[in-house]
Amino acid sequence: MYEIEIEHKGLHKYRVVKGTDMFIAKRKAQAQLAKWDEMWERKQEQLHKKQVREQKAREKEEKQNLAKQQTDEAQTLLKEFSQILQHTLDIDDTIDWDSLLDKSKFNQLKPSKPKYPTEPDRTYGKYNPKPSFLDKIIKSRKERILQSSNALFNSDHQKWEQERDKMNQEFEKEMQEWQTAEERYYQKQTENNKRVEKQKQSYLTVEPSAIVDYCDMVLSNSEYPDFFPQDYDLDYNPENKILIIEYILPDIDDIPTLIEVKYIQSRNEFSEKHLSQSALNKLYDELIYQVALRTIHELYEADVVNGIESIVFNGIVHSVDKSTGQDISPCILSLQANRQEFLEINLEKIEPKACFKNLKGVAGAKLHSLSPVAPIIQIDKDDKRFIASYGVAGELDDSYNLAAMDWEDFEHLIRELFEQEFTRGGGEVKVTQASRDGGVDAIAFDPDPIRGGKIVIQAKRYTNTVGVAAVRDLYGTVMNEGATKGILVTTSDYGPDAYQFAKGKPITLLNGGNLLHLLDKHGHKAKIDLKEAKEIQKSK
């Protein structure tokens, strides 16, 4: 993954642009910088216009017009806030791959043909002097004059030829260098355009990294007011086609509050009216709900390969805790929207907050209070314990004794079962490094806003009763992992002390009978014969 840090000091904007291909990343960075430059130019133009207007507004009538113009601009901006979602519905968010191609022409000036000095002419005066009377009658004098003029002409012509040849050589060298540079330019352009085409094909074949790059481009193209951070991080799970967005939202202090400007003639001054705090709070909440829905809409609309089945939007605000003065970055709302469910919504007629709630989004009662909520899904892809999993359940039949199977296969079987259990609701299950030490065997990420979160799963292929120590270990692991729940699965059963310890704690104990029921639920058959398993262990 390539990363390019870009910054615009005038706008105080900073972003890390990511891409699996350096050229694609550069093009994305260039596009973002160009957009920032346009924003900066608009801002400078607005500032300049304001300065000019103020300078011209010496007359009362002009100042009144200035106040009206500023009022109109403020009202237009406030109207834009209320139509943030509506704005994108008339725009096709699909990426135009052709626009990423470099079609520029080689702009280095082609060398001009040399302008030679004037070639010596034998008929020029100095090469053809007029003979005097004596020159005409004295043959030797005439011959000397002729020889001298010929020598002068030959010398000058030779110098001219040398200069001409030198200029031709320099021109040929410059021309060769220019042709080489042109050839290299178009060769590099062709290679870069092939990268774009390769990236396009990677996207069309639904390669995970290409899906992330594509979604990054979609969100980069989305137009928002200048004060929006427009920064985000994306993660994509190809197994269940879930896209996770950690989207940086504007702080309420970033929202312009100007409503009206009046010119007070009696005092010869301008008076500004701003939104009340309650009106600002309401505006902010409505704006954020729209941003969440708009982002999901843009991604689904642009997803021409149907590579995304579910999108999780986690809205994060970089702010300052007014009570402590410390920087904070709470997640203030989280929403998961499945493709089919979301595309059935008529976004032109919905009320954003009601739509968000109907989709089972999670948020505080007042977004402007920046009350943190737990993201529906927040997968740590940097967890080095995760390894590739393999299927086991397909090899089972009603004669297969789970209590006697290989312990590593048993862990993968448990992962496979819970994956079938959770993925129906958009969840994800990952198996960890096989350690046979009683640690974490699998981790599930359940997106359900009520019962979901991070779930630690341990598998115990035991032939004896599981004691309370194993349950205590699981509870400690749940706490250390910051998980919402722990599940312990065994082929045997648990002692009374184990069940007693689990009471009132976020722990679920599944014994052999529960395990067989879970297998049957997902269409698999097996048996658990503890006596047979013990005999097999003794014989080894």
Protein backbone atom coordinates (compact mmCIF):
# COMPACT_ATOMS: atom_id res chain seq x y z
CA MET A 1 0.00 0.00 0.00
CA TYR A 2 1.43 3.38 -1.05
CA GLU A 3 0.79 6.46 1.06
CA ILE A 4 1.23 10.09 0.03
CA GLU A 5 0.91 12.91 2.52
CA ILE A 6 -0.63 16.04 1.07
CA GLU A 7 -1.24 19.37 2.73
CA HIS A 8 -2.72 22.76 1.91
CA LYS A 9 -1.49 25.33 4.41
CA GLY A 10 -3.92 28.02 3.29
CA LEU A 11 -6.97 25.82 3.92
CA HIS A 12 -5.36 24.05 6.91
CA LYS A 13 -6.13 20.71 5.29
CA TYR A 14 -4.09 17.54 5.58
CA ARG A 15 -4.71 14.07 4.29
CA VAL A 16 -2.93 10.78 3.69
CA VAL A 17 -3.87 9.42 0.27
CA LYS A 18 -3.56 5.65 -0.04
CA GLY A 19 -3.43 3.33 -3.01
CA THR A 20 -2.14 -0.08 -3.98
CA ASP A 21 -0.47 1.44 -7.05
CA MET A 22 1.88 4.42 -6.87
CA PHE A 23 0.58 6.02 -10.08
CA ILE A 24 -3.04 5.67 -8.96
CA ALA A 25 -2.13 7.12 -5.57
CA LYS A 26 -0.32 10.04 -7.26
CA ARG A 27 -3.29 10.72 -9.54
CA LYS A 28 -5.63 10.70 -6.54
CA ALA A 29 -3.27 13.01 -4.65
CA GLN A 30 -3.03 15.34 -7.65
CA ALA A 31 -6.81 15.39 -7.99
CA GLN A 32 -7.22 16.21 -4.31
CA LEU A 33 -4.58 18.96 -4.44
CA ALA A 34 -6.23 20.41 -7.54
CA LYS A 35 -9.58 20.45 -5.75
CA TRP A 36 -8.00 22.17 -2.73
CA ASP A 37 -6.36 24.72 -5.04
CA GLU A 38 -9.77 25.45 -6.55
CA MET A 39 -11.23 25.85 -3.07
CA TRP A 40 -8.36 28.17 -2.13
CA GLU A 41 -8.83 30.24 -5.26
CA ARG A 42 -12.55 30.56 -4.55
CA LYS A 43 -11.77 31.57 -1.00
CA GLN A 44 -9.25 34.15 -2.14
CA GLU A 45 -11.67 35.42 -4.75
CA GLN A 46 -14.38 35.70 -2.11
CA LEU A 47 -12.00 37.53 0.20
CA HIS A 48 -10.93 39.83 -2.59
CA LYS A 49 -14.52 40.48 -3.59
CA LYS A 50 -15.41 41.24 0.00
CA GLN A 51 -12.51 43.67 0.28
CA VAL A 52 -13.49 45.32 -2.97
CA ARG A 53 -17.12 45.52 -1.91
CA GLU A 54 -16.18 47.07 1.40
CA GLN A 55 -13.96 49.57 -0.33
CA LYS A 56 -16.73 50.56 -2.71
CA ALA A 57 -19.37 50.60 -0.01
CA ARG A 58 -18.64 54.18 1.05
CA GLU A 59 -22.00 55.35 0.02
CA LYS A 60 -24.98 54.32 2.13
CA GLU A 61 -26.82 52.74 -0.74
CA GLU A 62 -23.79 50.63 -1.62
CA LYS A 63 -23.44 49.52 2.00
CA GLN A 64 -27.09 48.49 2.05
CA ASN A 65 -26.54 46.47 -1.11
CA LEU A 66 -23.47 44.90 0.46
CA ALA A 67 -25.48 43.88 3.52
CA LYS A 68 -28.15 42.33 1.31
CA GLN A 69 -25.56 40.47 -0.74
CA GLN A 70 -23.92 39.02 2.37
CA THR A 71 -27.34 38.03 3.67
CA ASP A 72 -28.16 36.27 0.41
CA GLU A 73 -24.83 34.42 0.52
CA ALA A 74 -25.46 33.32 4.12
CA GLN A 75 -28.98 32.15 3.29
CA THR A 76 -27.72 30.26 0.25
CA LEU A 77 -25.12 28.49 2.36
CA LEU A 78 -27.70 27.54 5.01
CA LYS A 79 -29.95 26.22 2.26
CA GLU A 80 -27.07 24.08 0.99
CA PHE A 81 -26.77 22.51 4.44
CA SER A 82 -30.40 21.43 4.34
CA GLN A 83 -29.89 19.92 0.87
CA ILE A 84 -26.60 18.07 1.41
CA LEU A 85 -28.31 14.76 0.72
CA GLN A 86 -30.52 16.08 -2.07
CA HIS A 87 -27.50 17.54 -3.85
CA THR A 88 -25.98 14.14 -4.63
CA LEU A 89 -29.18 12.51 -5.92
CA ASP A 90 -28.87 14.29 -9.26
CA ILE A 91 -25.20 13.28 -9.69
CA ASP A 92 -23.90 10.03 -11.16
CA ASP A 93 -21.23 8.94 -8.68
CA THR A 94 -19.83 6.18 -10.88
CA ILE A 95 -16.12 6.62 -11.55
CA ASP A 96 -15.25 7.57 -15.11
CA TRP A 97 -12.12 5.51 -15.67
CA ASP A 98 -11.44 7.41 -18.88
CA SER A 99 -10.92 10.59 -16.87
CA LEU A 100 -8.01 8.93 -15.04
CA LEU A 101 -6.14 8.33 -18.27
CA ASP A 102 -3.32 10.70 -19.10
CA LYS A 103 -4.11 12.09 -22.56
CA SER A 104 -1.85 15.11 -22.40
CA LYS A 105 0.42 15.98 -25.29
CA PHE A 106 4.19 16.23 -25.05
CA ASN A 107 4.59 19.98 -24.51
CA GLN A 108 8.36 20.43 -24.81
CA LEU A 109 9.06 22.79 -27.69
CA LYS A 110 10.42 21.11 -30.76
CA PRO A 111 13.86 22.45 -31.77
CA SER A 112 13.69 24.99 -34.57
CA LYS A 113 15.76 24.58 -37.68
CA PRO A 114 18.92 26.69 -37.47
CA LYS A 115 19.05 30.05 -39.17
CA TYR A 116 22.36 30.05 -41.00
CA PRO A 117 24.40 33.21 -41.48
CA THR A 118 24.34 34.59 -45.01
CA GLU A 119 26.33 32.43 -47.36
CA PRO A 120 29.23 34.33 -49.05
CA ASP A 121 28.34 35.31 -52.59
CA ARG A 122 31.07 35.36 -55.25
CA THR A 123 29.41 38.36 -56.83
CA TYR A 124 29.71 40.45 -53.62
CA GLY A 125 31.86 43.56 -54.01
CA LYS A 126 34.72 42.44 -51.82
CA TYR A 127 35.02 39.20 -53.76
CA ASN A 128 34.68 40.95 -57.11
CA PRO A 129 36.55 44.26 -56.88
CA LYS A 130 36.45 46.66 -59.78
CA PRO A 131 39.89 46.74 -61.51
CA SER A 132 41.63 50.04 -61.95
CA PHE A 133 42.96 51.28 -65.24
CA LEU A 134 46.44 49.88 -64.47
CA ASP A 135 44.90 46.56 -63.34
CA LYS A 136 43.28 46.24 -66.67
CA ILE A 137 46.45 46.83 -68.68
CA ILE A 138 48.90 45.03 -66.36
CA LYS A 139 48.04 41.39 -66.44
CA SER A 140 50.08 40.44 -63.35
CA ARG A 141 48.25 42.98 -61.22
CA LYS A 142 44.91 41.73 -62.43
CA GLU A 143 45.86 38.13 -61.58
CA ARG A 144 47.06 39.11 -58.07
CA ILE A 145 43.76 40.90 -57.39
CA LEU A 146 41.81 37.91 -58.68
CA GLN A 147 43.85 35.45 -56.58
CA SER A 148 43.40 37.62 -53.48
CA SER A 149 39.65 37.93 -53.94
CA ASN A 150 39.36 34.18 -54.61
CA ALA A 151 41.37 33.38 -51.49
CA LEU A 152 39.20 35.69 -49.43
CA PHE A 153 36.02 34.13 -50.82
CA ASN A 154 37.29 30.59 -50.29
CA SER A 155 38.31 31.39 -46.71
CA ASP A 156 35.01 33.05 -45.88
CA HIS A 157 33.01 30.30 -47.56
CA GLN A 158 34.94 27.64 -45.67
CA LYS A 159 34.19 29.40 -42.37
CA TRP A 160 30.56 29.63 -43.37
CA GLU A 161 30.44 25.90 -44.15
CA GLN A 162 32.07 25.10 -40.81
CA GLU A 163 29.54 27.26 -38.96
CA ARG A 164 26.68 25.71 -40.93
CA ASP A 165 27.90 22.18 -40.22
CA LYS A 166 28.31 23.04 -36.52
CA MET A 167 24.78 24.44 -36.36
CA ASN A 168 23.45 21.36 -38.16
CA GLN A 169 25.19 19.06 -35.69
CA GLU A 170 23.79 20.97 -32.73
CA PHE A 171 20.32 20.90 -34.29
CA GLU A 172 20.53 17.17 -34.95
CA LYS A 173 21.67 16.58 -31.36
CA GLU A 174 18.83 18.72 -29.96
CA MET A 175 16.37 17.01 -32.29
CA GLN A 176 17.56 13.58 -31.22
CA GLU A 177 17.26 14.55 -27.53
CA TRP A 178 13.79 15.95 -28.17
CA GLN A 179 12.66 12.81 -29.98
CA THR A 180 14.08 10.66 -27.19
CA ALA A 181 12.28 12.76 -24.57
CA GLU A 182 9.03 12.57 -26.56
CA GLU A 183 9.37 8.82 -26.92
CA ARG A 184 10.02 8.39 -23.19
CA TYR A 185 7.09 10.68 -22.35
CA TYR A 186 4.59 8.69 -24.38
CA GLN A 187 6.12 5.41 -23.28
CA LYS A 188 5.66 6.39 -19.63
CA GLN A 189 2.19 7.72 -20.42
CA THR A 190 1.28 4.40 -22.01
CA GLU A 191 2.64 2.47 -19.03
CA ASN A 192 0.71 4.65 -16.59
CA ASN A 193 -2.48 4.32 -18.60
CA LYS A 194 -1.98 0.55 -18.61
CA ARG A 195 -1.88 0.78 -14.82
CA VAL A 196 -5.20 2.58 -14.85
CA GLU A 197 -6.61 -0.09 -17.15
CA LYS A 198 -5.17 -2.79 -14.88
CA GLN A 199 -6.73 -1.08 -11.87
CA LYS A 200 -10.02 -0.93 -13.74
CA GLN A 201 -9.85 -4.64 -14.53
CA SER A 202 -8.95 -5.39 -10.90
CA TYR A 203 -12.05 -3.51 -9.84
CA LEU A 204 -14.24 -5.22 -12.44
CA THR A 205 -13.01 -8.59 -11.13
CA VAL A 206 -13.82 -7.44 -7.57
CA GLU A 207 -10.32 -7.61 -6.15
CA PRO A 208 -10.48 -6.37 -2.52
CA SER A 209 -7.72 -3.75 -2.76
CA ALA A 210 -9.26 -2.38 -5.97
CA ILE A 211 -12.65 -2.10 -4.26
CA VAL A 212 -11.08 0.05 -1.53
CA ASP A 213 -9.27 2.24 -4.07
CA TYR A 214 -12.44 2.67 -6.09
CA CYS A 215 -14.50 3.66 -3.06
CA ASP A 216 -11.76 6.11 -2.07
CA MET A 217 -12.06 7.78 -5.48
CA VAL A 218 -15.86 7.95 -5.17
CA LEU A 219 -15.70 9.74 -1.83
CA SER A 220 -12.90 12.03 -3.03
CA ASN A 221 -15.14 13.20 -5.87
CA SER A 222 -17.99 14.05 -3.52
CA GLU A 223 -18.56 17.82 -3.30
CA TYR A 224 -19.04 19.37 0.13
CA PRO A 225 -18.71 22.89 1.57
CA ASP A 226 -15.13 24.02 2.14
CA PHE A 227 -15.20 23.54 5.91
CA PHE A 228 -15.80 19.77 5.63
CA PRO A 229 -12.67 17.73 6.50
CA GLN A 230 -13.50 15.10 3.86
CA ASP A 231 -11.09 12.64 5.44
CA TYR A 232 -11.88 8.98 5.98
CA ASP A 233 -10.44 5.49 6.26
CA LEU A 234 -11.83 2.47 4.43
CA ASP A 235 -11.70 -1.25 5.11
CA TYR A 236 -13.23 -4.03 3.01
CA ASN A 237 -13.91 -7.66 3.90
CA PRO A 238 -14.12 -9.73 0.69
CA GLU A 239 -15.59 -12.72 2.49
CA ASN A 240 -18.86 -11.04 3.42
CA LYS A 241 -18.48 -7.96 1.17
CA ILE A 242 -18.75 -5.50 4.05
CA LEU A 243 -17.22 -2.05 3.57
CA ILE A 244 -16.37 -0.14 6.74
CA ILE A 245 -15.96 3.64 6.64
CA GLU A 246 -14.48 5.68 9.44
CA TYR A 247 -15.59 9.13 8.28
CA ILE A 248 -14.31 12.36 9.83
CA LEU A 249 -17.22 14.75 10.31
CA PRO A 250 -17.05 18.51 10.87
CA ASP A 251 -17.19 19.80 14.43
CA ILE A 252 -20.18 21.95 15.31
CA ASP A 253 -17.78 24.88 15.82
CA ASP A 254 -16.89 24.63 12.11
CA ILE A 255 -20.46 25.33 10.95
CA PRO A 256 -21.05 28.91 9.66
CA THR A 257 -23.82 30.54 11.69
CA LEU A 258 -24.44 33.83 9.86
CA ILE A 259 -28.10 34.41 8.97
CA GLU A 260 -28.42 38.08 8.09
CA VAL A 261 -26.38 41.26 7.71
CA LYS A 262 -27.99 44.70 8.10
CA TYR A 263 -26.56 48.13 7.50
CA ILE A 264 -27.45 50.48 10.37
CA GLN A 265 -27.55 53.87 8.69
CA SER A 266 -27.72 55.90 11.87
CA ARG A 267 -24.52 54.35 13.23
CA ASN A 268 -22.90 53.78 9.85
CA GLU A 269 -22.06 50.17 10.72
CA PHE A 270 -23.02 46.62 9.86
CA SER A 271 -24.94 44.37 12.24
CA GLU A 272 -24.82 40.58 11.96
CA LYS A 273 -27.46 38.11 13.10
CA HIS A 274 -26.40 34.53 13.80
CA LEU A 275 -28.16 31.24 14.47
CA SER A 276 -29.17 30.65 18.05
CA GLN A 277 -27.44 27.77 19.81
CA SER A 278 -30.59 25.65 19.68
CA ALA A 279 -31.04 26.33 15.96
CA LEU A 280 -27.35 25.51 15.35
CA ASN A 281 -27.70 22.26 17.29
CA LYS A 282 -30.70 21.25 15.20
CA LEU A 283 -28.95 22.20 11.95
CA TYR A 284 -25.85 20.21 12.92
CA ASP A 285 -27.78 17.06 13.80
CA GLU A 286 -29.76 17.16 10.54
CA LEU A 287 -26.56 17.76 8.58
CA ILE A 288 -24.73 14.77 10.08
CA TYR A 289 -27.62 12.36 9.47
CA GLN A 290 -27.66 13.50 5.83
CA VAL A 291 -23.91 12.97 5.47
CA ALA A 292 -24.18 9.37 6.69
CA LEU A 293 -26.99 8.54 4.26
CA ARG A 294 -25.36 10.45 1.41
CA THR A 295 -22.05 8.61 1.79
CA ILE A 296 -23.73 5.21 1.69
CA HIS A 297 -25.85 6.28 -1.30
CA GLU A 298 -22.81 7.45 -3.28
CA LEU A 299 -20.93 4.20 -2.68
CA TYR A 300 -23.84 1.95 -3.61
CA GLU A 301 -24.66 4.01 -6.70
CA ALA A 302 -21.04 3.85 -7.88
CA ASP A 303 -20.69 0.12 -7.17
CA VAL A 304 -21.32 -1.16 -10.69
CA VAL A 305 -19.82 -4.60 -9.95
CA ASN A 306 -21.99 -5.25 -6.89
CA GLY A 307 -18.88 -5.81 -4.85
CA ILE A 308 -20.45 -4.39 -1.69
CA GLU A 309 -23.28 -6.13 0.13
CA SER A 310 -23.20 -4.06 3.31
CA ILE A 311 -21.75 -0.70 4.35
CA VAL A 312 -20.91 0.36 7.88
CA PHE A 313 -20.58 4.12 8.40
CA ASN A 314 -18.82 5.25 11.57
CA GLY A 315 -18.95 9.03 11.96
CA ILE A 316 -16.04 10.49 13.96
CA VAL A 317 -15.54 14.09 15.10
CA HIS A 318 -12.19 15.64 16.02
CA SER A 319 -13.06 18.17 18.71
CA VAL A 320 -12.08 19.52 22.11
CA ASP A 321 -13.73 18.52 25.36
CA LYS A 322 -14.95 21.86 26.72
CA SER A 323 -14.75 20.55 30.29
CA THR A 324 -11.11 19.38 30.15
CA GLY A 325 -9.62 21.16 27.15
CA GLN A 326 -8.36 17.82 25.88
CA ASP A 327 -8.59 16.69 22.25
CA ILE A 328 -11.25 14.04 21.67
CA SER A 329 -12.32 11.97 18.68
CA PRO A 330 -15.62 10.27 19.55
CA CYS A 331 -17.63 8.13 17.18
CA ILE A 332 -21.01 9.90 17.41
CA LEU A 333 -23.06 7.67 15.12
CA SER A 334 -22.76 4.28 13.48
CA LEU A 335 -24.95 2.81 10.77
CA GLN A 336 -24.95 -0.46 8.87
CA ALA A 337 -27.03 -0.58 5.69
CA ASN A 338 -27.39 -3.68 3.56
CA ARG A 339 -27.49 -3.14 -0.19
CA GLN A 340 -30.99 -4.34 -1.03
CA GLU A 341 -32.58 -2.68 1.98
CA PHE A 342 -30.91 0.67 1.29
CA LEU A 343 -31.59 0.77 -2.45
CA GLU A 344 -35.31 0.36 -1.79
CA ILE A 345 -35.35 3.70 0.07
CA ASN A 346 -36.60 6.78 -1.78
CA LEU A 347 -34.05 9.29 -0.50
CA GLU A 348 -35.86 12.20 -2.15
CA LYS A 349 -38.77 11.89 0.26
CA ILE A 350 -37.27 10.68 3.53
CA GLU A 351 -36.62 12.54 6.77
CA PRO A 352 -32.90 11.80 7.43
CA LYS A 353 -33.08 11.11 11.15
CA ALA A 354 -36.15 8.90 10.80
CA CYS A 355 -34.48 6.98 7.97
CA PHE A 356 -31.32 6.55 10.07
CA LYS A 357 -33.34 5.17 12.98
CA ASN A 358 -35.34 2.89 10.69
CA LEU A 359 -32.07 1.39 9.48
CA LYS A 360 -31.23 0.62 13.12
CA GLY A 361 -28.45 3.20 13.24
CA VAL A 362 -26.78 3.83 16.59
CA ALA A 363 -26.42 7.42 17.84
CA GLY A 364 -26.90 9.57 20.90
CA ALA A 365 -30.11 11.54 21.33
CA LYS A 366 -28.22 14.74 20.45
CA LEU A 367 -25.39 14.45 17.97
CA HIS A 368 -24.14 17.96 18.77
CA SER A 369 -23.33 16.83 22.31
CA LEU A 370 -20.69 14.51 20.77
CA SER A 371 -21.75 11.61 23.01
CA PRO A 372 -19.67 8.59 21.94
CA VAL A 373 -21.30 5.37 20.76
CA ALA A 374 -19.77 1.98 20.07
CA PRO A 375 -19.26 1.41 16.32
CA ILE A 376 -21.40 -1.40 14.95
CA ILE A 377 -18.31 -2.98 13.40
CA GLN A 378 -14.75 -1.92 14.00
CA ILE A 379 -12.39 -4.62 12.79
CA ASP A 380 -8.71 -4.47 13.71
CA LYS A 381 -7.01 -5.73 10.59
CA ASP A 382 -3.61 -5.39 12.25
CA ASP A 383 -4.30 -8.27 14.66
CA LYS A 384 -1.36 -10.53 13.80
CA ARG A 385 -3.04 -13.51 15.43
CA PHE A 386 -5.47 -13.96 12.55
CA ILE A 387 -4.59 -16.73 10.10
CA ALA A 388 -6.19 -18.28 7.03
CA SER A 389 -8.99 -20.68 7.91
CA TYR A 390 -10.10 -23.89 6.22
CA GLY A 391 -13.34 -25.83 6.07
CA VAL A 392 -13.97 -28.94 8.16
CA ALA A 393 -17.74 -29.31 8.44
CA GLY A 394 -18.12 -30.63 4.89
CA GLU A 395 -16.16 -33.77 5.80
CA LEU A 396 -18.43 -34.71 8.71
CA ASP A 397 -21.12 -37.39 8.84
CA ASP A 398 -23.12 -38.97 11.66
CA SER A 399 -20.30 -41.50 12.31
CA TYR A 400 -17.65 -38.82 12.88
CA ASN A 401 -16.71 -38.51 16.57
CA LEU A 402 -16.00 -34.86 17.39
CA ALA A 403 -14.41 -35.78 20.71
CA ALA A 404 -11.69 -37.70 18.89
CA MET A 405 -10.91 -35.27 16.04
CA ASP A 406 -7.65 -33.37 15.73
CA TRP A 407 -7.63 -30.41 18.13
CA GLU A 408 -6.64 -27.91 15.40
CA ASP A 409 -9.37 -29.20 13.08
CA PHE A 410 -11.80 -28.81 15.97
CA GLU A 411 -10.89 -25.11 16.35
CA HIS A 412 -11.46 -24.53 12.63
CA LEU A 413 -14.78 -26.40 12.81
CA ILE A 414 -15.94 -24.08 15.58
CA ARG A 415 -14.86 -21.06 13.55
CA GLU A 416 -16.76 -22.41 10.53
CA LEU A 417 -19.95 -23.00 12.52
CA PHE A 418 -19.95 -19.54 14.08
CA GLU A 419 -19.15 -17.97 10.74
CA GLN A 420 -22.34 -19.54 9.37
CA GLU A 421 -24.18 -18.32 12.45
CA PHE A 422 -22.95 -14.70 12.31
CA THR A 423 -22.54 -13.93 8.61
CA ARG A 424 -26.28 -14.09 8.03
CA GLY A 425 -26.47 -10.84 9.99
CA GLY A 426 -23.44 -9.27 8.34
CA GLY A 427 -20.90 -10.46 10.92
CA GLU A 428 -17.41 -11.85 10.52
CA VAL A 429 -15.44 -14.60 12.24
CA LYS A 430 -11.65 -14.99 12.18
CA VAL A 431 -9.56 -17.86 13.49
CA THR A 432 -6.37 -17.10 15.41
CA GLN A 433 -2.98 -18.76 15.46
CA ALA A 434 -3.23 -22.35 16.64
CA SER A 435 -1.53 -22.44 20.03
CA ARG A 436 -3.20 -25.24 21.99
CA ASP A 437 -2.71 -23.13 25.07
CA GLY A 438 -6.26 -22.23 25.98
CA GLY A 439 -6.02 -18.73 24.46
CA VAL A 440 -8.34 -17.10 21.94
CA ASP A 441 -9.29 -19.58 19.20
CA ALA A 442 -11.53 -17.28 17.16
CA ILE A 443 -12.93 -13.75 17.24
CA ALA A 444 -16.36 -12.80 15.90
CA PHE A 445 -17.51 -9.31 14.98
CA ASP A 446 -21.29 -9.09 15.27
CA PRO A 447 -22.81 -5.88 13.77
CA ASP A 448 -26.08 -6.17 15.70
CA PRO A 449 -26.48 -2.81 17.53
CA ILE A 450 -27.98 -4.47 20.64
CA ARG A 451 -26.28 -7.83 21.17
CA GLY A 452 -23.32 -7.33 18.85
CA GLY A 453 -19.73 -6.26 19.15
CA LYS A 454 -16.49 -8.19 19.51
CA ILE A 455 -16.99 -11.77 20.71
CA VAL A 456 -14.20 -14.06 21.93
CA ILE A 457 -14.65 -17.76 21.15
CA GLN A 458 -12.72 -20.63 22.73
CA ALA A 459 -12.94 -24.27 21.68
CA LYS A 460 -12.23 -27.12 24.12
CA ARG A 461 -12.12 -30.59 22.56
CA TYR A 462 -12.33 -32.33 25.98
CA THR A 463 -13.34 -35.80 27.07
CA ASN A 464 -13.51 -34.76 30.75
CA THR A 465 -15.70 -32.20 32.49
CA VAL A 466 -14.56 -28.59 31.98
CA GLY A 467 -13.78 -26.97 35.31
CA VAL A 468 -14.25 -23.42 36.54
CA ALA A 469 -10.61 -22.51 35.76
CA ALA A 470 -11.30 -22.56 32.01
CA VAL A 471 -14.33 -20.30 32.46
CA ARG A 472 -12.31 -17.89 34.63
CA ASP A 473 -9.63 -17.78 31.92
CA LEU A 474 -12.24 -16.98 29.28
CA TYR A 475 -13.69 -14.16 31.40
CA GLY A 476 -10.21 -12.67 31.83
CA THR A 477 -9.65 -12.89 28.09
CA VAL A 478 -12.96 -11.09 27.42
CA MET A 479 -11.84 -8.26 29.69
CA ASN A 480 -8.35 -8.05 28.16
CA GLU A 481 -9.69 -8.07 24.62
CA GLY A 482 -12.26 -5.37 25.33
CA ALA A 483 -14.87 -7.79 24.00
CA THR A 484 -18.61 -7.65 24.67
CA LYS A 485 -18.99 -11.38 25.17
CA GLY A 486 -17.21 -14.73 25.47
CA ILE A 487 -18.34 -18.14 24.18
CA LEU A 488 -16.82 -21.42 25.39
CA VAL A 489 -17.56 -24.54 23.33
CA THR A 490 -16.66 -28.06 24.39
CA THR A 491 -17.35 -31.62 23.33
CA SER A 492 -17.98 -32.62 26.96
CA ASP A 493 -19.82 -30.63 29.66
CA TYR A 494 -19.15 -28.17 32.50
CA GLY A 495 -19.05 -28.66 36.23
CA PRO A 496 -21.51 -26.92 38.60
CA ASP A 497 -18.85 -24.43 39.68
CA ALA A 498 -18.27 -23.43 36.03
CA TYR A 499 -21.97 -22.73 35.47
CA GLN A 500 -22.16 -20.86 38.78
CA PHE A 501 -19.19 -18.61 37.85
CA ALA A 502 -20.70 -17.79 34.43
CA LYS A 503 -23.95 -16.50 35.95
CA GLY A 504 -24.42 -12.76 35.48
CA LYS A 505 -21.34 -12.49 33.26
CA PRO A 506 -21.14 -11.95 29.50
CA ILE A 507 -20.27 -15.61 28.97
CA THR A 508 -22.10 -18.37 27.12
CA LEU A 509 -21.23 -22.02 27.81
CA LEU A 510 -22.02 -24.52 25.03
CA ASN A 511 -21.64 -28.21 25.88
CA GLY A 512 -21.51 -31.21 23.57
CA GLY A 513 -25.27 -31.34 23.17
CA ASN A 514 -25.41 -27.65 22.24
CA LEU A 515 -22.61 -28.21 19.74
CA LEU A 516 -24.43 -31.06 17.99
CA HIS A 517 -27.58 -28.92 17.84
CA LEU A 518 -25.61 -26.05 16.27
CA LEU A 519 -24.16 -28.47 13.70
CA ASP A 520 -27.62 -29.80 12.86
CA LYS A 521 -28.95 -26.24 12.56
CA HIS A 522 -26.49 -25.58 9.75
CA GLY A 523 -27.00 -28.91 7.99
CA HIS A 524 -24.13 -30.98 9.39
CA LYS A 525 -24.14 -34.34 11.17
CA ALA A 526 -21.68 -35.79 13.67
CA LYS A 527 -21.55 -37.61 16.98
CA ILE A 528 -19.81 -37.17 20.34
CA ASP A 529 -18.68 -40.40 22.01
CA LEU A 530 -16.49 -39.52 24.98
CA LYS A 531 -15.80 -43.15 25.91
CA GLU A 532 -14.62 -43.99 22.40
CA ALA A 533 -12.43 -40.87 22.33
CA LYS A 534 -10.80 -41.84 25.65
CA GLU A 535 -10.00 -45.30 24.31
CA ILE A 536 -8.41 -43.76 21.21
CA GLN A 537 -6.30 -41.45 23.38
CA LYS A 538 -5.10 -44.38 25.52
CA SER A 539 -4.03 -46.35 22.46
CA LYS A 540 -1.84 -43.51 21.15
